[in-house]
Amino acid sequence: MGKTVKIAVSIPKELLKEAEKERKKGGESRSAFVQRAIRVSLKQSKKDKAISSYIEGYQSKPESKEEIDEARRIAEFVLVEEPWE
């Protein structure tokens, strides 16, 4: 992972209490808990940006009626073969 650095952050007391309770339950060190929280936040942010980009793309160039009709036709053909029990 590389070299680590120490940082100091200020957070509300109640948030710290919740975090401490959660990290102890999982048996994590405070550092590991904070690292995981940052990774999860960065991953979610990246996912949110990708979704926004995807939506913007489809809004700027939506499918034509013909493309929608063809996708529906193919879906109906494929889905009829699925066991729905």
N, C-alpha and C. Protein backbone atom coordinates (compact mmCIF):
# COMPACT_ATOMS: atom_id res chain seq x y z
N MET A 1 0.82 -1.19 0.00
CA MET A 1 0.00 0.00 0.00
C MET A 1 0.86 1.25 0.00
N GLY A 2 2.02 1.19 0.53
CA GLY A 2 2.88 2.36 0.54
C GLY A 2 3.04 2.94 1.92
N LYS A 3 3.71 4.06 1.94
CA LYS A 3 3.98 4.74 3.20
C LYS A 3 2.71 5.33 3.80
N THR A 4 2.61 5.28 5.10
CA THR A 4 1.47 5.87 5.78
C THR A 4 1.88 7.19 6.42
N VAL A 5 0.90 8.03 6.62
CA VAL A 5 1.12 9.31 7.29
C VAL A 5 0.07 9.48 8.38
N LYS A 6 0.42 10.22 9.40
CA LYS A 6 -0.52 10.51 10.47
C LYS A 6 -1.23 11.81 10.16
N ILE A 7 -2.52 11.84 10.49
CA ILE A 7 -3.31 13.07 10.32
C ILE A 7 -4.11 13.30 11.59
N ALA A 8 -4.57 14.49 11.76
CA ALA A 8 -5.46 14.82 12.87
C ALA A 8 -6.73 15.40 12.27
N VAL A 9 -7.86 14.90 12.73
CA VAL A 9 -9.14 15.41 12.25
C VAL A 9 -10.04 15.71 13.43
N SER A 10 -10.94 16.63 13.23
CA SER A 10 -11.94 16.95 14.26
C SER A 10 -13.29 16.45 13.78
N ILE A 11 -13.99 15.72 14.65
CA ILE A 11 -15.32 15.23 14.31
C ILE A 11 -16.24 15.41 15.52
N PRO A 12 -17.53 15.49 15.29
CA PRO A 12 -18.46 15.62 16.42
C PRO A 12 -18.36 14.42 17.36
N LYS A 13 -18.53 14.69 18.64
CA LYS A 13 -18.40 13.67 19.68
C LYS A 13 -19.32 12.48 19.43
N GLU A 14 -20.56 12.74 19.05
CA GLU A 14 -21.52 11.65 18.81
C GLU A 14 -21.10 10.78 17.64
N LEU A 15 -20.53 11.39 16.61
CA LEU A 15 -20.05 10.61 15.47
C LEU A 15 -18.91 9.70 15.90
N LEU A 16 -18.02 10.21 16.73
CA LEU A 16 -16.92 9.39 17.24
C LEU A 16 -17.46 8.22 18.06
N LYS A 17 -18.48 8.49 18.89
CA LYS A 17 -19.07 7.41 19.70
C LYS A 17 -19.63 6.31 18.81
N GLU A 18 -20.34 6.70 17.78
CA GLU A 18 -20.91 5.71 16.85
C GLU A 18 -19.81 4.93 16.13
N ALA A 19 -18.80 5.65 15.68
CA ALA A 19 -17.70 5.01 14.96
C ALA A 19 -16.95 4.04 15.87
N GLU A 20 -16.69 4.44 17.10
CA GLU A 20 -15.99 3.59 18.05
C GLU A 20 -16.79 2.31 18.32
N LYS A 21 -18.08 2.46 18.49
CA LYS A 21 -18.94 1.30 18.75
C LYS A 21 -18.87 0.34 17.56
N GLU A 22 -18.97 0.87 16.38
CA GLU A 22 -18.96 0.05 15.16
C GLU A 22 -17.62 -0.62 14.94
N ARG A 23 -16.54 0.11 15.11
CA ARG A 23 -15.21 -0.46 14.86
C ARG A 23 -14.87 -1.53 15.89
N LYS A 24 -15.27 -1.33 17.13
CA LYS A 24 -15.02 -2.32 18.17
C LYS A 24 -15.80 -3.59 17.88
N LYS A 25 -17.04 -3.42 17.41
CA LYS A 25 -17.86 -4.57 17.07
C LYS A 25 -17.18 -5.40 15.98
N GLY A 26 -16.54 -4.73 15.04
CA GLY A 26 -15.86 -5.42 13.95
C GLY A 26 -14.43 -5.80 14.26
N GLY A 27 -13.94 -5.40 15.44
CA GLY A 27 -12.57 -5.74 15.82
C GLY A 27 -11.49 -5.00 15.05
N GLU A 28 -11.82 -3.83 14.53
CA GLU A 28 -10.86 -3.04 13.76
C GLU A 28 -10.16 -2.01 14.63
N SER A 29 -8.96 -1.67 14.22
CA SER A 29 -8.29 -0.54 14.86
C SER A 29 -8.96 0.73 14.35
N ARG A 30 -8.74 1.81 15.04
CA ARG A 30 -9.29 3.09 14.60
C ARG A 30 -8.74 3.46 13.22
N SER A 31 -7.46 3.25 13.02
CA SER A 31 -6.86 3.56 11.72
C SER A 31 -7.48 2.74 10.60
N ALA A 32 -7.65 1.44 10.85
CA ALA A 32 -8.25 0.57 9.82
C ALA A 32 -9.67 1.00 9.52
N PHE A 33 -10.41 1.37 10.55
CA PHE A 33 -11.80 1.81 10.38
C PHE A 33 -11.87 3.06 9.52
N VAL A 34 -11.04 4.03 9.83
CA VAL A 34 -11.03 5.29 9.08
C VAL A 34 -10.58 5.05 7.64
N GLN A 35 -9.57 4.21 7.45
CA GLN A 35 -9.11 3.90 6.10
C GLN A 35 -10.22 3.26 5.28
N ARG A 36 -10.92 2.31 5.90
CA ARG A 36 -12.02 1.64 5.20
C ARG A 36 -13.13 2.64 4.87
N ALA A 37 -13.45 3.51 5.81
CA ALA A 37 -14.49 4.51 5.57
C ALA A 37 -14.12 5.44 4.40
N ILE A 38 -12.87 5.82 4.34
CA ILE A 38 -12.41 6.68 3.25
C ILE A 38 -12.49 5.93 1.93
N ARG A 39 -12.06 4.67 1.91
CA ARG A 39 -12.12 3.87 0.68
C ARG A 39 -13.56 3.72 0.20
N VAL A 40 -14.46 3.41 1.13
CA VAL A 40 -15.87 3.25 0.78
C VAL A 40 -16.42 4.56 0.21
N SER A 41 -16.09 5.67 0.84
CA SER A 41 -16.56 6.97 0.37
C SER A 41 -16.02 7.29 -1.02
N LEU A 42 -14.74 7.03 -1.25
CA LEU A 42 -14.15 7.29 -2.57
C LEU A 42 -14.76 6.39 -3.64
N LYS A 43 -14.97 5.12 -3.30
CA LYS A 43 -15.59 4.19 -4.25
C LYS A 43 -17.01 4.63 -4.60
N GLN A 44 -17.77 5.05 -3.59
CA GLN A 44 -19.14 5.51 -3.83
C GLN A 44 -19.16 6.77 -4.67
N SER A 45 -18.22 7.68 -4.40
CA SER A 45 -18.13 8.91 -5.18
C SER A 45 -17.83 8.60 -6.65
N LYS A 46 -16.92 7.66 -6.87
CA LYS A 46 -16.57 7.26 -8.24
C LYS A 46 -17.78 6.64 -8.94
N LYS A 47 -18.51 5.80 -8.21
CA LYS A 47 -19.71 5.17 -8.75
C LYS A 47 -20.76 6.23 -9.08
N ASP A 48 -20.98 7.19 -8.17
CA ASP A 48 -21.95 8.25 -8.40
C ASP A 48 -21.61 9.07 -9.64
N LYS A 49 -20.32 9.36 -9.82
CA LYS A 49 -19.88 10.13 -10.99
C LYS A 49 -20.13 9.34 -12.28
N ALA A 50 -19.86 8.03 -12.24
CA ALA A 50 -20.08 7.19 -13.42
C ALA A 50 -21.56 7.14 -13.77
N ILE A 51 -22.41 7.02 -12.77
CA ILE A 51 -23.86 6.98 -13.00
C ILE A 51 -24.33 8.31 -13.58
N SER A 52 -23.84 9.41 -13.03
CA SER A 52 -24.22 10.74 -13.55
C SER A 52 -23.79 10.89 -15.00
N SER A 53 -22.59 10.43 -15.31
CA SER A 53 -22.09 10.51 -16.67
C SER A 53 -22.94 9.66 -17.62
N TYR A 54 -23.31 8.48 -17.17
CA TYR A 54 -24.17 7.58 -17.94
C TYR A 54 -25.52 8.25 -18.22
N ILE A 55 -26.12 8.83 -17.19
CA ILE A 55 -27.42 9.49 -17.33
C ILE A 55 -27.31 10.68 -18.28
N GLU A 56 -26.27 11.49 -18.11
CA GLU A 56 -26.07 12.65 -18.98
C GLU A 56 -25.93 12.22 -20.43
N GLY A 57 -25.21 11.13 -20.65
CA GLY A 57 -25.03 10.62 -22.01
C GLY A 57 -26.35 10.23 -22.66
N TYR A 58 -27.18 9.52 -21.90
CA TYR A 58 -28.47 9.11 -22.45
C TYR A 58 -29.43 10.28 -22.58
N GLN A 59 -29.29 11.29 -21.74
CA GLN A 59 -30.15 12.47 -21.88
C GLN A 59 -29.75 13.29 -23.09
N SER A 60 -28.45 13.32 -23.39
CA SER A 60 -28.00 14.12 -24.52
C SER A 60 -28.24 13.41 -25.86
N LYS A 61 -28.29 12.07 -25.82
CA LYS A 61 -28.54 11.31 -27.06
C LYS A 61 -29.39 10.10 -26.73
N PRO A 62 -30.68 10.32 -26.50
CA PRO A 62 -31.56 9.20 -26.15
C PRO A 62 -31.74 8.22 -27.30
N GLU A 63 -32.16 7.00 -26.97
CA GLU A 63 -32.41 6.00 -28.00
C GLU A 63 -33.57 6.46 -28.88
N SER A 64 -33.51 6.03 -30.13
CA SER A 64 -34.63 6.32 -31.04
C SER A 64 -35.76 5.33 -30.76
N LYS A 65 -36.92 5.61 -31.28
CA LYS A 65 -38.07 4.71 -31.11
C LYS A 65 -37.73 3.35 -31.70
N GLU A 66 -37.03 3.33 -32.82
CA GLU A 66 -36.65 2.06 -33.46
C GLU A 66 -35.72 1.24 -32.56
N GLU A 67 -34.77 1.91 -31.92
CA GLU A 67 -33.86 1.21 -31.01
C GLU A 67 -34.60 0.63 -29.81
N ILE A 68 -35.53 1.39 -29.28
CA ILE A 68 -36.33 0.92 -28.14
C ILE A 68 -37.19 -0.27 -28.55
N ASP A 69 -37.83 -0.16 -29.70
CA ASP A 69 -38.67 -1.27 -30.19
C ASP A 69 -37.84 -2.53 -30.40
N GLU A 70 -36.66 -2.40 -30.96
CA GLU A 70 -35.79 -3.56 -31.21
C GLU A 70 -35.32 -4.17 -29.89
N ALA A 71 -34.96 -3.35 -28.93
CA ALA A 71 -34.53 -3.86 -27.61
C ALA A 71 -35.69 -4.60 -26.94
N ARG A 72 -36.88 -4.08 -27.05
CA ARG A 72 -38.06 -4.72 -26.46
C ARG A 72 -38.31 -6.07 -27.15
N ARG A 73 -38.20 -6.10 -28.47
CA ARG A 73 -38.42 -7.34 -29.23
C ARG A 73 -37.41 -8.41 -28.81
N ILE A 74 -36.15 -8.03 -28.69
CA ILE A 74 -35.11 -8.98 -28.30
C ILE A 74 -35.33 -9.46 -26.87
N ALA A 75 -35.69 -8.53 -25.98
CA ALA A 75 -35.94 -8.91 -24.58
C ALA A 75 -37.08 -9.90 -24.49
N GLU A 76 -38.15 -9.66 -25.23
CA GLU A 76 -39.29 -10.58 -25.19
C GLU A 76 -38.89 -11.95 -25.72
N PHE A 77 -38.08 -11.99 -26.76
CA PHE A 77 -37.61 -13.26 -27.33
C PHE A 77 -36.75 -14.02 -26.33
N VAL A 78 -35.84 -13.31 -25.65
CA VAL A 78 -34.93 -13.95 -24.69
C VAL A 78 -35.67 -14.35 -23.43
N LEU A 79 -36.51 -13.48 -22.92
CA LEU A 79 -37.17 -13.72 -21.65
C LEU A 79 -38.22 -14.82 -21.71
N VAL A 80 -38.79 -15.07 -22.87
CA VAL A 80 -39.80 -16.12 -23.00
C VAL A 80 -39.17 -17.48 -22.70
N GLU A 81 -37.88 -17.62 -22.89
CA GLU A 81 -37.17 -18.87 -22.65
C GLU A 81 -36.80 -19.07 -21.18
N GLU A 82 -36.91 -18.04 -20.35
CA GLU A 82 -36.53 -18.12 -18.94
C GLU A 82 -37.56 -18.87 -18.12
N PRO A 83 -37.08 -19.76 -17.22
CA PRO A 83 -38.02 -20.41 -16.30
C PRO A 83 -38.44 -19.43 -15.20
N TRP A 84 -39.69 -19.12 -15.10
CA TRP A 84 -40.17 -18.10 -14.16
C TRP A 84 -40.83 -18.69 -12.92
N GLU A 85 -40.32 -19.80 -12.48
CA GLU A 85 -40.90 -20.44 -11.29
C GLU A 85 -40.00 -20.27 -10.10
